[in-house]
Amino acid sequence: SLATMKQHLSAFHLIPPNVMFGILKEGCTYTATVILKNVGVNFS
C-alpha cells in the first residue's frame, strides 16, 4: 500500500499552524500550546 506513495513517510503537522498572541501587557509572561503531530507511518 505504500510502494507507490510519493509523499515522505515521516511528516509532522502543526496544530495550529501559527500563533497570534494579540495585545500583551509589557512585563507579563504569556503561554500558548501548539501540537506537533506525527502524520507519517514511522516514528520520527
PDB file of all heavy atoms in Angstrom:
ATOM      1  N   SER A   1       0.812  -1.209   0.000  1.00  0.00           N
ATOM      2  CA  SER A   1       0.000   0.000   0.000  1.00  0.00           C
ATOM      3  C   SER A   1       0.847   1.261   0.000  1.00  0.00           C
ATOM      4  O   SER A   1       0.398   2.322  -0.406  1.00  0.00           O
ATOM      5  CB  SER A   1      -0.943   0.014   1.199  1.00  0.00           C
ATOM      6  OG  SER A   1      -0.195   0.015   2.393  1.00  0.00           O
ATOM      7  N   LEU A   2       2.105   1.162   0.437  1.00  0.00           N
ATOM      8  CA  LEU A   2       2.979   2.326   0.488  1.00  0.00           C
ATOM      9  C   LEU A   2       4.005   2.334  -0.636  1.00  0.00           C
ATOM     10  O   LEU A   2       4.787   3.258  -0.745  1.00  0.00           O
ATOM     11  CB  LEU A   2       3.706   2.373   1.834  1.00  0.00           C
ATOM     12  CG  LEU A   2       2.808   2.507   3.056  1.00  0.00           C
ATOM     13  CD1 LEU A   2       3.636   2.383   4.312  1.00  0.00           C
ATOM     14  CD2 LEU A   2       2.069   3.816   3.033  1.00  0.00           C
ATOM     15  N   ALA A   3       4.004   1.312  -1.482  1.00  0.00           N
ATOM     16  CA  ALA A   3       5.028   1.199  -2.516  1.00  0.00           C
ATOM     17  C   ALA A   3       4.931   2.300  -3.561  1.00  0.00           C
ATOM     18  O   ALA A   3       5.930   2.717  -4.117  1.00  0.00           O
ATOM     19  CB  ALA A   3       4.937  -0.164  -3.193  1.00  0.00           C
ATOM     20  N   THR A   4       3.725   2.778  -3.831  1.00  0.00           N
ATOM     21  CA  THR A   4       3.561   3.798  -4.870  1.00  0.00           C
ATOM     22  C   THR A   4       3.437   5.203  -4.309  1.00  0.00           C
ATOM     23  O   THR A   4       3.220   6.141  -5.058  1.00  0.00           O
ATOM     24  CB  THR A   4       2.308   3.491  -5.705  1.00  0.00           C
ATOM     25  OG1 THR A   4       1.182   3.480  -4.839  1.00  0.00           O
ATOM     26  CG2 THR A   4       2.439   2.161  -6.422  1.00  0.00           C
ATOM     27  N   MET A   5       3.582   5.363  -3.004  1.00  0.00           N
ATOM     28  CA  MET A   5       3.469   6.696  -2.405  1.00  0.00           C
ATOM     29  C   MET A   5       4.647   7.557  -2.797  1.00  0.00           C
ATOM     30  O   MET A   5       5.788   7.123  -2.751  1.00  0.00           O
ATOM     31  CB  MET A   5       3.407   6.607  -0.879  1.00  0.00           C
ATOM     32  CG  MET A   5       2.025   6.412  -0.341  1.00  0.00           C
ATOM     33  SD  MET A   5       2.021   6.488   1.445  1.00  0.00           S
ATOM     34  CE  MET A   5       2.254   8.214   1.708  1.00  0.00           C
ATOM     35  N   LYS A   6       4.367   8.800  -3.156  1.00  0.00           N
ATOM     36  CA  LYS A   6       5.426   9.737  -3.476  1.00  0.00           C
ATOM     37  C   LYS A   6       5.686  10.682  -2.321  1.00  0.00           C
ATOM     38  O   LYS A   6       6.666  11.397  -2.320  1.00  0.00           O
ATOM     39  CB  LYS A   6       5.046  10.525  -4.727  1.00  0.00           C
ATOM     40  CG  LYS A   6       5.035   9.650  -5.944  1.00  0.00           C
ATOM     41  CD  LYS A   6       4.798  10.425  -7.191  1.00  0.00           C
ATOM     42  CE  LYS A   6       4.962   9.479  -8.352  1.00  0.00           C
ATOM     43  NZ  LYS A   6       4.180   9.650  -9.450  1.00  0.00           N
ATOM     44  N   GLN A   7       4.797  10.702  -1.336  1.00  0.00           N
ATOM     45  CA  GLN A   7       4.998  11.556  -0.183  1.00  0.00           C
ATOM     46  C   GLN A   7       6.033  10.925   0.730  1.00  0.00           C
ATOM     47  O   GLN A   7       6.287   9.735   0.693  1.00  0.00           O
ATOM     48  CB  GLN A   7       3.697  11.749   0.579  1.00  0.00           C
ATOM     49  CG  GLN A   7       2.666  12.529  -0.172  1.00  0.00           C
ATOM     50  CD  GLN A   7       1.394  12.679   0.649  1.00  0.00           C
ATOM     51  OE1 GLN A   7       1.176  11.928   1.589  1.00  0.00           O
ATOM     52  NE2 GLN A   7       0.587  13.626   0.283  1.00  0.00           N
ATOM     53  N   HIS A   8       6.604  11.781   1.572  1.00  0.00           N
ATOM     54  CA  HIS A   8       7.564  11.299   2.542  1.00  0.00           C
ATOM     55  C   HIS A   8       6.834  10.520   3.617  1.00  0.00           C
ATOM     56  O   HIS A   8       5.735  10.853   4.006  1.00  0.00           O
ATOM     57  CB  HIS A   8       8.310  12.494   3.161  1.00  0.00           C
ATOM     58  CG  HIS A   8       9.742  12.213   3.365  1.00  0.00           C
ATOM     59  ND1 HIS A   8      10.192  11.493   4.437  1.00  0.00           N
ATOM     60  CD2 HIS A   8      10.831  12.532   2.643  1.00  0.00           C
ATOM     61  CE1 HIS A   8      11.501  11.390   4.373  1.00  0.00           C
ATOM     62  NE2 HIS A   8      11.918  12.014   3.294  1.00  0.00           N
ATOM     63  N   LEU A   9       7.450   9.435   4.106  1.00  0.00           N
ATOM     64  CA  LEU A   9       6.784   8.584   5.079  1.00  0.00           C
ATOM     65  C   LEU A   9       6.869   9.136   6.497  1.00  0.00           C
ATOM     66  O   LEU A   9       6.219   8.632   7.387  1.00  0.00           O
ATOM     67  CB  LEU A   9       7.383   7.177   5.026  1.00  0.00           C
ATOM     68  CG  LEU A   9       7.227   6.462   3.681  1.00  0.00           C
ATOM     69  CD1 LEU A   9       7.885   5.098   3.735  1.00  0.00           C
ATOM     70  CD2 LEU A   9       5.769   6.344   3.307  1.00  0.00           C
ATOM     71  N   SER A  10       7.704  10.146   6.711  1.00  0.00           N
ATOM     72  CA  SER A  10       7.762  10.789   8.022  1.00  0.00           C
ATOM     73  C   SER A  10       7.420  12.261   7.834  1.00  0.00           C
ATOM     74  O   SER A  10       8.111  12.979   7.138  1.00  0.00           O
ATOM     75  CB  SER A  10       9.153  10.631   8.640  1.00  0.00           C
ATOM     76  OG  SER A  10      10.113  11.234   7.819  1.00  0.00           O
ATOM     77  N   ALA A  11       6.330  12.675   8.458  1.00  0.00           N
ATOM     78  CA  ALA A  11       5.892  14.057   8.307  1.00  0.00           C
ATOM     79  C   ALA A  11       5.231  14.508   9.593  1.00  0.00           C
ATOM     80  O   ALA A  11       4.623  13.724  10.313  1.00  0.00           O
ATOM     81  CB  ALA A  11       4.922  14.183   7.138  1.00  0.00           C
ATOM     82  N   PHE A  12       5.344  15.793   9.869  1.00  0.00           N
ATOM     83  CA  PHE A  12       4.717  16.395  11.032  1.00  0.00           C
ATOM     84  C   PHE A  12       3.771  17.493  10.580  1.00  0.00           C
ATOM     85  O   PHE A  12       3.993  18.146   9.557  1.00  0.00           O
ATOM     86  CB  PHE A  12       5.779  17.013  11.953  1.00  0.00           C
ATOM     87  CG  PHE A  12       6.537  16.015  12.779  1.00  0.00           C
ATOM     88  CD1 PHE A  12       7.800  15.592  12.391  1.00  0.00           C
ATOM     89  CD2 PHE A  12       6.001  15.523  13.942  1.00  0.00           C
ATOM     90  CE1 PHE A  12       8.503  14.690  13.157  1.00  0.00           C
ATOM     91  CE2 PHE A  12       6.700  14.613  14.719  1.00  0.00           C
ATOM     92  CZ  PHE A  12       7.950  14.195  14.327  1.00  0.00           C
ATOM     93  N   HIS A  13       2.699  17.703  11.357  1.00  0.00           N
ATOM     94  CA  HIS A  13       1.785  18.822  11.156  1.00  0.00           C
ATOM     95  C   HIS A  13       1.726  19.633  12.439  1.00  0.00           C
ATOM     96  O   HIS A  13       1.721  19.058  13.543  1.00  0.00           O
ATOM     97  CB  HIS A  13       0.374  18.335  10.810  1.00  0.00           C
ATOM     98  CG  HIS A  13       0.213  17.886   9.400  1.00  0.00           C
ATOM     99  ND1 HIS A  13       0.402  18.722   8.322  1.00  0.00           N
ATOM    100  CD2 HIS A  13      -0.109  16.688   8.881  1.00  0.00           C
ATOM    101  CE1 HIS A  13       0.193  18.045   7.208  1.00  0.00           C
ATOM    102  NE2 HIS A  13      -0.104  16.802   7.528  1.00  0.00           N
ATOM    103  N   LEU A  14       1.643  20.951  12.286  1.00  0.00           N
ATOM    104  CA  LEU A  14       1.494  21.845  13.426  1.00  0.00           C
ATOM    105  C   LEU A  14       0.030  22.224  13.574  1.00  0.00           C
ATOM    106  O   LEU A  14      -0.611  22.625  12.604  1.00  0.00           O
ATOM    107  CB  LEU A  14       2.330  23.111  13.225  1.00  0.00           C
ATOM    108  CG  LEU A  14       3.832  22.942  13.348  1.00  0.00           C
ATOM    109  CD1 LEU A  14       4.544  24.167  12.816  1.00  0.00           C
ATOM    110  CD2 LEU A  14       4.208  22.699  14.785  1.00  0.00           C
ATOM    111  N   ILE A  15      -0.510  22.108  14.780  1.00  0.00           N
ATOM    112  CA  ILE A  15      -1.892  22.485  15.047  1.00  0.00           C
ATOM    113  C   ILE A  15      -1.881  23.439  16.238  1.00  0.00           C
ATOM    114  O   ILE A  15      -1.552  23.010  17.338  1.00  0.00           O
ATOM    115  CB  ILE A  15      -2.751  21.245  15.386  1.00  0.00           C
ATOM    116  CG1 ILE A  15      -2.620  20.207  14.277  1.00  0.00           C
ATOM    117  CG2 ILE A  15      -4.184  21.630  15.620  1.00  0.00           C
ATOM    118  CD1 ILE A  15      -3.168  18.853  14.636  1.00  0.00           C
ATOM    119  N   PRO A  16      -2.198  24.697  16.091  1.00  0.00           N
ATOM    120  CA  PRO A  16      -2.497  25.463  14.882  1.00  0.00           C
ATOM    121  C   PRO A  16      -1.212  25.781  14.113  1.00  0.00           C
ATOM    122  O   PRO A  16      -0.125  25.725  14.692  1.00  0.00           O
ATOM    123  CB  PRO A  16      -3.136  26.740  15.433  1.00  0.00           C
ATOM    124  CG  PRO A  16      -2.515  26.923  16.768  1.00  0.00           C
ATOM    125  CD  PRO A  16      -2.292  25.529  17.298  1.00  0.00           C
ATOM    126  N   PRO A  17      -1.326  26.142  12.831  1.00  0.00           N
ATOM    127  CA  PRO A  17      -0.127  26.387  12.025  1.00  0.00           C
ATOM    128  C   PRO A  17       0.571  27.714  12.327  1.00  0.00           C
ATOM    129  O   PRO A  17       1.670  27.950  11.845  1.00  0.00           O
ATOM    130  CB  PRO A  17      -0.649  26.373  10.590  1.00  0.00           C
ATOM    131  CG  PRO A  17      -2.097  26.666  10.702  1.00  0.00           C
ATOM    132  CD  PRO A  17      -2.543  26.162  12.033  1.00  0.00           C
ATOM    133  N   ASN A  18      -0.052  28.594  13.121  1.00  0.00           N
ATOM    134  CA  ASN A  18       0.595  29.843  13.530  1.00  0.00           C
ATOM    135  C   ASN A  18       0.043  30.250  14.893  1.00  0.00           C
ATOM    136  O   ASN A  18      -1.002  29.794  15.318  1.00  0.00           O
ATOM    137  CB  ASN A  18       0.403  30.958  12.499  1.00  0.00           C
ATOM    138  CG  ASN A  18      -1.051  31.227  12.209  1.00  0.00           C
ATOM    139  OD1 ASN A  18      -1.934  30.736  12.905  1.00  0.00           O
ATOM    140  ND2 ASN A  18      -1.310  31.988  11.182  1.00  0.00           N
ATOM    141  N   VAL A  19       0.778  31.126  15.590  1.00  0.00           N
ATOM    142  CA  VAL A  19       0.373  31.581  16.924  1.00  0.00           C
ATOM    143  C   VAL A  19       0.273  33.095  16.899  1.00  0.00           C
ATOM    144  O   VAL A  19       1.231  33.778  16.547  1.00  0.00           O
ATOM    145  CB  VAL A  19       1.395  31.136  18.003  1.00  0.00           C
ATOM    146  CG1 VAL A  19       1.010  31.678  19.365  1.00  0.00           C
ATOM    147  CG2 VAL A  19       1.501  29.633  18.042  1.00  0.00           C
ATOM    148  N   MET A  20      -0.903  33.614  17.264  1.00  0.00           N
ATOM    149  CA  MET A  20      -1.121  35.053  17.372  1.00  0.00           C
ATOM    150  C   MET A  20      -1.518  35.334  18.816  1.00  0.00           C
ATOM    151  O   MET A  20      -2.600  34.943  19.247  1.00  0.00           O
ATOM    152  CB  MET A  20      -2.210  35.498  16.387  1.00  0.00           C
ATOM    153  CG  MET A  20      -2.532  36.962  16.450  1.00  0.00           C
ATOM    154  SD  MET A  20      -1.100  37.948  16.017  1.00  0.00           S
ATOM    155  CE  MET A  20      -1.730  39.578  16.275  1.00  0.00           C
ATOM    156  N   PHE A  21      -0.628  35.968  19.565  1.00  0.00           N
ATOM    157  CA  PHE A  21      -0.895  36.245  20.972  1.00  0.00           C
ATOM    158  C   PHE A  21      -1.857  37.417  21.150  1.00  0.00           C
ATOM    159  O   PHE A  21      -2.533  37.497  22.154  1.00  0.00           O
ATOM    160  CB  PHE A  21       0.411  36.534  21.718  1.00  0.00           C
ATOM    161  CG  PHE A  21       1.152  35.296  22.121  1.00  0.00           C
ATOM    162  CD1 PHE A  21       2.254  34.869  21.396  1.00  0.00           C
ATOM    163  CD2 PHE A  21       0.772  34.559  23.215  1.00  0.00           C
ATOM    164  CE1 PHE A  21       2.944  33.733  21.768  1.00  0.00           C
ATOM    165  CE2 PHE A  21       1.450  33.422  23.594  1.00  0.00           C
ATOM    166  CZ  PHE A  21       2.542  33.010  22.870  1.00  0.00           C
ATOM    167  N   GLY A  22      -1.902  38.337  20.205  1.00  0.00           N
ATOM    168  CA  GLY A  22      -2.762  39.513  20.346  1.00  0.00           C
ATOM    169  C   GLY A  22      -2.025  40.633  21.055  1.00  0.00           C
ATOM    170  O   GLY A  22      -0.810  40.763  20.961  1.00  0.00           O
ATOM    171  N   ILE A  23      -2.757  41.442  21.818  1.00  0.00           N
ATOM    172  CA  ILE A  23      -2.161  42.576  22.525  1.00  0.00           C
ATOM    173  C   ILE A  23      -1.776  42.121  23.933  1.00  0.00           C
ATOM    174  O   ILE A  23      -2.610  41.621  24.684  1.00  0.00           O
ATOM    175  CB  ILE A  23      -3.132  43.770  22.574  1.00  0.00           C
ATOM    176  CG1 ILE A  23      -3.435  44.237  21.150  1.00  0.00           C
ATOM    177  CG2 ILE A  23      -2.540  44.900  23.404  1.00  0.00           C
ATOM    178  CD1 ILE A  23      -4.452  45.333  21.056  1.00  0.00           C
ATOM    179  N   LEU A  24      -0.503  42.309  24.278  1.00  0.00           N
ATOM    180  CA  LEU A  24       0.031  41.852  25.554  1.00  0.00           C
ATOM    181  C   LEU A  24       0.476  43.036  26.396  1.00  0.00           C
ATOM    182  O   LEU A  24       0.912  44.062  25.866  1.00  0.00           O
ATOM    183  CB  LEU A  24       1.233  40.920  25.325  1.00  0.00           C
ATOM    184  CG  LEU A  24       1.041  39.761  24.354  1.00  0.00           C
ATOM    185  CD1 LEU A  24       2.336  38.979  24.222  1.00  0.00           C
ATOM    186  CD2 LEU A  24      -0.083  38.858  24.812  1.00  0.00           C
ATOM    187  N   LYS A  25       0.400  42.877  27.707  1.00  0.00           N
ATOM    188  CA  LYS A  25       0.861  43.900  28.640  1.00  0.00           C
ATOM    189  C   LYS A  25       2.348  43.715  28.885  1.00  0.00           C
ATOM    190  O   LYS A  25       2.807  42.599  29.161  1.00  0.00           O
ATOM    191  CB  LYS A  25       0.085  43.792  29.950  1.00  0.00           C
ATOM    192  CG  LYS A  25       0.463  44.824  30.970  1.00  0.00           C
ATOM    193  CD  LYS A  25      -0.341  44.621  32.240  1.00  0.00           C
ATOM    194  CE  LYS A  25       0.132  45.615  33.305  1.00  0.00           C
ATOM    195  NZ  LYS A  25      -0.528  45.355  34.585  1.00  0.00           N
ATOM    196  N   GLU A  26       3.100  44.802  28.806  1.00  0.00           N
ATOM    197  CA  GLU A  26       4.544  44.731  28.984  1.00  0.00           C
ATOM    198  C   GLU A  26       4.891  44.269  30.392  1.00  0.00           C
ATOM    199  O   GLU A  26       4.280  44.682  31.372  1.00  0.00           O
ATOM    200  CB  GLU A  26       5.177  46.097  28.710  1.00  0.00           C
ATOM    201  CG  GLU A  26       6.685  46.080  28.756  1.00  0.00           C
ATOM    202  CD  GLU A  26       7.300  47.426  28.439  1.00  0.00           C
ATOM    203  OE1 GLU A  26       6.572  48.414  28.321  1.00  0.00           O
ATOM    204  OE2 GLU A  26       8.536  47.464  28.318  1.00  0.00           O
ATOM    205  N   GLY A  27       5.878  43.365  30.485  1.00  0.00           N
ATOM    206  CA  GLY A  27       6.336  42.866  31.767  1.00  0.00           C
ATOM    207  C   GLY A  27       5.651  41.580  32.211  1.00  0.00           C
ATOM    208  O   GLY A  27       6.007  41.027  33.246  1.00  0.00           O
ATOM    209  N   CYS A  28       4.689  41.082  31.462  1.00  0.00           N
ATOM    210  CA  CYS A  28       3.973  39.854  31.823  1.00  0.00           C
ATOM    211  C   CYS A  28       4.430  38.700  30.930  1.00  0.00           C
ATOM    212  O   CYS A  28       4.957  38.912  29.841  1.00  0.00           O
ATOM    213  CB  CYS A  28       2.466  40.044  31.684  1.00  0.00           C
ATOM    214  SG  CYS A  28       1.801  41.273  32.822  1.00  0.00           S
ATOM    215  N   THR A  29       4.200  37.477  31.399  1.00  0.00           N
ATOM    216  CA  THR A  29       4.551  36.272  30.649  1.00  0.00           C
ATOM    217  C   THR A  29       3.275  35.580  30.199  1.00  0.00           C
ATOM    218  O   THR A  29       2.349  35.408  30.984  1.00  0.00           O
ATOM    219  CB  THR A  29       5.381  35.320  31.523  1.00  0.00           C
ATOM    220  OG1 THR A  29       6.550  36.014  31.968  1.00  0.00           O
ATOM    221  CG2 THR A  29       5.802  34.095  30.743  1.00  0.00           C
ATOM    222  N   TYR A  30       3.237  35.180  28.925  1.00  0.00           N
ATOM    223  CA  TYR A  30       2.071  34.516  28.349  1.00  0.00           C
ATOM    224  C   TYR A  30       2.518  33.219  27.694  1.00  0.00           C
ATOM    225  O   TYR A  30       3.661  33.113  27.235  1.00  0.00           O
ATOM    226  CB  TYR A  30       1.409  35.416  27.289  1.00  0.00           C
ATOM    227  CG  TYR A  30       0.926  36.732  27.846  1.00  0.00           C
ATOM    228  CD1 TYR A  30       1.771  37.829  27.924  1.00  0.00           C
ATOM    229  CD2 TYR A  30      -0.381  36.878  28.281  1.00  0.00           C
ATOM    230  CE1 TYR A  30       1.329  39.038  28.432  1.00  0.00           C
ATOM    231  CE2 TYR A  30      -0.834  38.079  28.778  1.00  0.00           C
ATOM    232  CZ  TYR A  30       0.026  39.155  28.857  1.00  0.00           C
ATOM    233  OH  TYR A  30      -0.429  40.343  29.362  1.00  0.00           O
ATOM    234  N   THR A  31       1.617  32.239  27.646  1.00  0.00           N
ATOM    235  CA  THR A  31       1.946  30.968  27.007  1.00  0.00           C
ATOM    236  C   THR A  31       0.832  30.544  26.056  1.00  0.00           C
ATOM    237  O   THR A  31      -0.321  30.935  26.212  1.00  0.00           O
ATOM    238  CB  THR A  31       2.143  29.837  28.046  1.00  0.00           C
ATOM    239  OG1 THR A  31       0.930  29.665  28.771  1.00  0.00           O
ATOM    240  CG2 THR A  31       3.282  30.118  28.979  1.00  0.00           C
ATOM    241  N   ALA A  32       1.221  29.755  25.070  1.00  0.00           N
ATOM    242  CA  ALA A  32       0.283  29.140  24.130  1.00  0.00           C
ATOM    243  C   ALA A  32       0.802  27.734  23.840  1.00  0.00           C
ATOM    244  O   ALA A  32       2.009  27.487  23.837  1.00  0.00           O
ATOM    245  CB  ALA A  32       0.181  29.941  22.841  1.00  0.00           C
ATOM    246  N   THR A  33      -0.124  26.814  23.595  1.00  0.00           N
ATOM    247  CA  THR A  33       0.249  25.428  23.315  1.00  0.00           C
ATOM    248  C   THR A  33       0.029  25.116  21.852  1.00  0.00           C
ATOM    249  O   THR A  33      -1.017  25.437  21.291  1.00  0.00           O
ATOM    250  CB  THR A  33      -0.595  24.468  24.178  1.00  0.00           C
ATOM    251  OG1 THR A  33      -0.393  24.789  25.545  1.00  0.00           O
ATOM    252  CG2 THR A  33      -0.184  23.030  23.943  1.00  0.00           C
ATOM    253  N   VAL A  34       1.028  24.505  21.232  1.00  0.00           N
ATOM    254  CA  VAL A  34       0.958  24.069  19.836  1.00  0.00           C
ATOM    255  C   VAL A  34       1.201  22.565  19.831  1.00  0.00           C
ATOM    256  O   VAL A  34       2.085  22.066  20.533  1.00  0.00           O
ATOM    257  CB  VAL A  34       2.008  24.797  18.969  1.00  0.00           C
ATOM    258  CG1 VAL A  34       2.021  24.266  17.559  1.00  0.00           C
ATOM    259  CG2 VAL A  34       1.755  26.291  18.968  1.00  0.00           C
ATOM    260  N   ILE A  35       0.420  21.842  19.040  1.00  0.00           N
ATOM    261  CA  ILE A  35       0.569  20.396  18.942  1.00  0.00           C
ATOM    262  C   ILE A  35       1.364  20.058  17.688  1.00  0.00           C
ATOM    263  O   ILE A  35       1.054  20.541  16.595  1.00  0.00           O
ATOM    264  CB  ILE A  35      -0.809  19.711  18.914  1.00  0.00           C
ATOM    265  CG1 ILE A  35      -1.504  19.917  20.252  1.00  0.00           C
ATOM    266  CG2 ILE A  35      -0.687  18.235  18.590  1.00  0.00           C
ATOM    267  CD1 ILE A  35      -2.919  19.418  20.296  1.00  0.00           C
ATOM    268  N   LEU A  36       2.391  19.249  17.849  1.00  0.00           N
ATOM    269  CA  LEU A  36       3.202  18.755  16.740  1.00  0.00           C
ATOM    270  C   LEU A  36       2.836  17.285  16.574  1.00  0.00           C
ATOM    271  O   LEU A  36       3.215  16.446  17.394  1.00  0.00           O
ATOM    272  CB  LEU A  36       4.688  18.924  17.041  1.00  0.00           C
ATOM    273  CG  LEU A  36       5.653  18.520  15.952  1.00  0.00           C
ATOM    274  CD1 LEU A  36       5.531  19.446  14.750  1.00  0.00           C
ATOM    275  CD2 LEU A  36       7.075  18.538  16.467  1.00  0.00           C
ATOM    276  N   LYS A  37       2.063  16.973  15.523  1.00  0.00           N
ATOM    277  CA  LYS A  37       1.542  15.622  15.323  1.00  0.00           C
ATOM    278  C   LYS A  37       2.324  14.905  14.232  1.00  0.00           C
ATOM    279  O   LYS A  37       2.557  15.451  13.155  1.00  0.00           O
ATOM    280  CB  LYS A  37       0.065  15.685  14.951  1.00  0.00           C
ATOM    281  CG  LYS A  37      -0.568  14.323  14.825  1.00  0.00           C
ATOM    282  CD  LYS A  37      -2.058  14.397  14.674  1.00  0.00           C
ATOM    283  CE  LYS A  37      -2.627  13.000  14.652  1.00  0.00           C
ATOM    284  NZ  LYS A  37      -4.063  12.982  14.635  1.00  0.00           N
ATOM    285  N   ASN A  38       2.683  13.657  14.501  1.00  0.00           N
ATOM    286  CA  ASN A  38       3.375  12.821  13.523  1.00  0.00           C
ATOM    287  C   ASN A  38       2.308  12.153  12.650  1.00  0.00           C
ATOM    288  O   ASN A  38       1.598  11.267  13.107  1.00  0.00           O
ATOM    289  CB  ASN A  38       4.234  11.775  14.227  1.00  0.00           C
ATOM    290  CG  ASN A  38       5.030  10.932  13.271  1.00  0.00           C
ATOM    291  OD1 ASN A  38       4.905  11.050  12.050  1.00  0.00           O
ATOM    292  ND2 ASN A  38       5.850  10.056  13.802  1.00  0.00           N
ATOM    293  N   VAL A  39       2.201  12.584  11.395  1.00  0.00           N
ATOM    294  CA  VAL A  39       1.216  12.009  10.479  1.00  0.00           C
ATOM    295  C   VAL A  39       1.851  11.012   9.518  1.00  0.00           C
ATOM    296  O   VAL A  39       1.207  10.557   8.579  1.00  0.00           O
ATOM    297  CB  VAL A  39       0.470  13.118   9.693  1.00  0.00           C
ATOM    298  CG1 VAL A  39      -0.362  13.965  10.619  1.00  0.00           C
ATOM    299  CG2 VAL A  39       1.450  13.967   8.899  1.00  0.00           C
ATOM    300  N   GLY A  40       3.105  10.658   9.767  1.00  0.00           N
ATOM    301  CA  GLY A  40       3.788   9.671   8.935  1.00  0.00           C
ATOM    302  C   GLY A  40       3.481   8.263   9.406  1.00  0.00           C
ATOM    303  O   GLY A  40       2.644   8.023  10.277  1.00  0.00           O
ATOM    304  N   VAL A  41       4.177   7.287   8.830  1.00  0.00           N
ATOM    305  CA  VAL A  41       3.974   5.883   9.189  1.00  0.00           C
ATOM    306  C   VAL A  41       5.114   5.334  10.035  1.00  0.00           C
ATOM    307  O   VAL A  41       5.028   4.213  10.523  1.00  0.00           O
ATOM    308  CB  VAL A  41       3.787   4.999   7.926  1.00  0.00           C
ATOM    309  CG1 VAL A  41       2.533   5.388   7.197  1.00  0.00           C
ATOM    310  CG2 VAL A  41       4.988   5.068   7.017  1.00  0.00           C
ATOM    311  N   ASN A  42       6.176   6.089  10.231  1.00  0.00           N
ATOM    312  CA  ASN A  42       7.308   5.685  11.059  1.00  0.00           C
ATOM    313  C   ASN A  42       7.422   6.616  12.247  1.00  0.00           C
ATOM    314  O   ASN A  42       6.904   7.730  12.222  1.00  0.00           O
ATOM    315  CB  ASN A  42       8.621   5.746  10.272  1.00  0.00           C
ATOM    316  CG  ASN A  42       8.683   4.733   9.162  1.00  0.00           C
ATOM    317  OD1 ASN A  42       8.065   3.681   9.235  1.00  0.00           O
ATOM    318  ND2 ASN A  42       9.429   5.052   8.123  1.00  0.00           N
ATOM    319  N   PHE A  43       8.159   6.172  13.280  1.00  0.00           N
ATOM    320  CA  PHE A  43       8.465   7.105  14.358  1.00  0.00           C
ATOM    321  C   PHE A  43       9.467   8.111  13.811  1.00  0.00           C
ATOM    322  O   PHE A  43      10.276   7.801  12.944  1.00  0.00           O
ATOM    323  CB  PHE A  43       8.989   6.381  15.601  1.00  0.00           C
ATOM    324  CG  PHE A  43      10.370   5.810  15.447  1.00  0.00           C
ATOM    325  CD1 PHE A  43      11.478   6.557  15.776  1.00  0.00           C
ATOM    326  CD2 PHE A  43      10.552   4.521  14.971  1.00  0.00           C
ATOM    327  CE1 PHE A  43      12.749   6.046  15.633  1.00  0.00           C
ATOM    328  CE2 PHE A  43      11.829   3.995  14.820  1.00  0.00           C
ATOM    329  CZ  PHE A  43      12.928   4.755  15.154  1.00  0.00           C
ATOM    330  N   SER A  44       9.394   9.341  14.295  1.00  0.00           N
ATOM    331  CA  SER A  44      10.268  10.406  13.804  1.00  0.00           C
ATOM    332  C   SER A  44      10.774  11.237  14.965  1.00  0.00           C
ATOM    333  O   SER A  44      10.136  11.323  16.013  1.00  0.00           O
ATOM    334  CB  SER A  44       9.523  11.310  12.823  1.00  0.00           C
ATOM    335  OG  SER A  44       9.172  10.594  11.675  1.00  0.00           O
TER     336      SER A  44
END
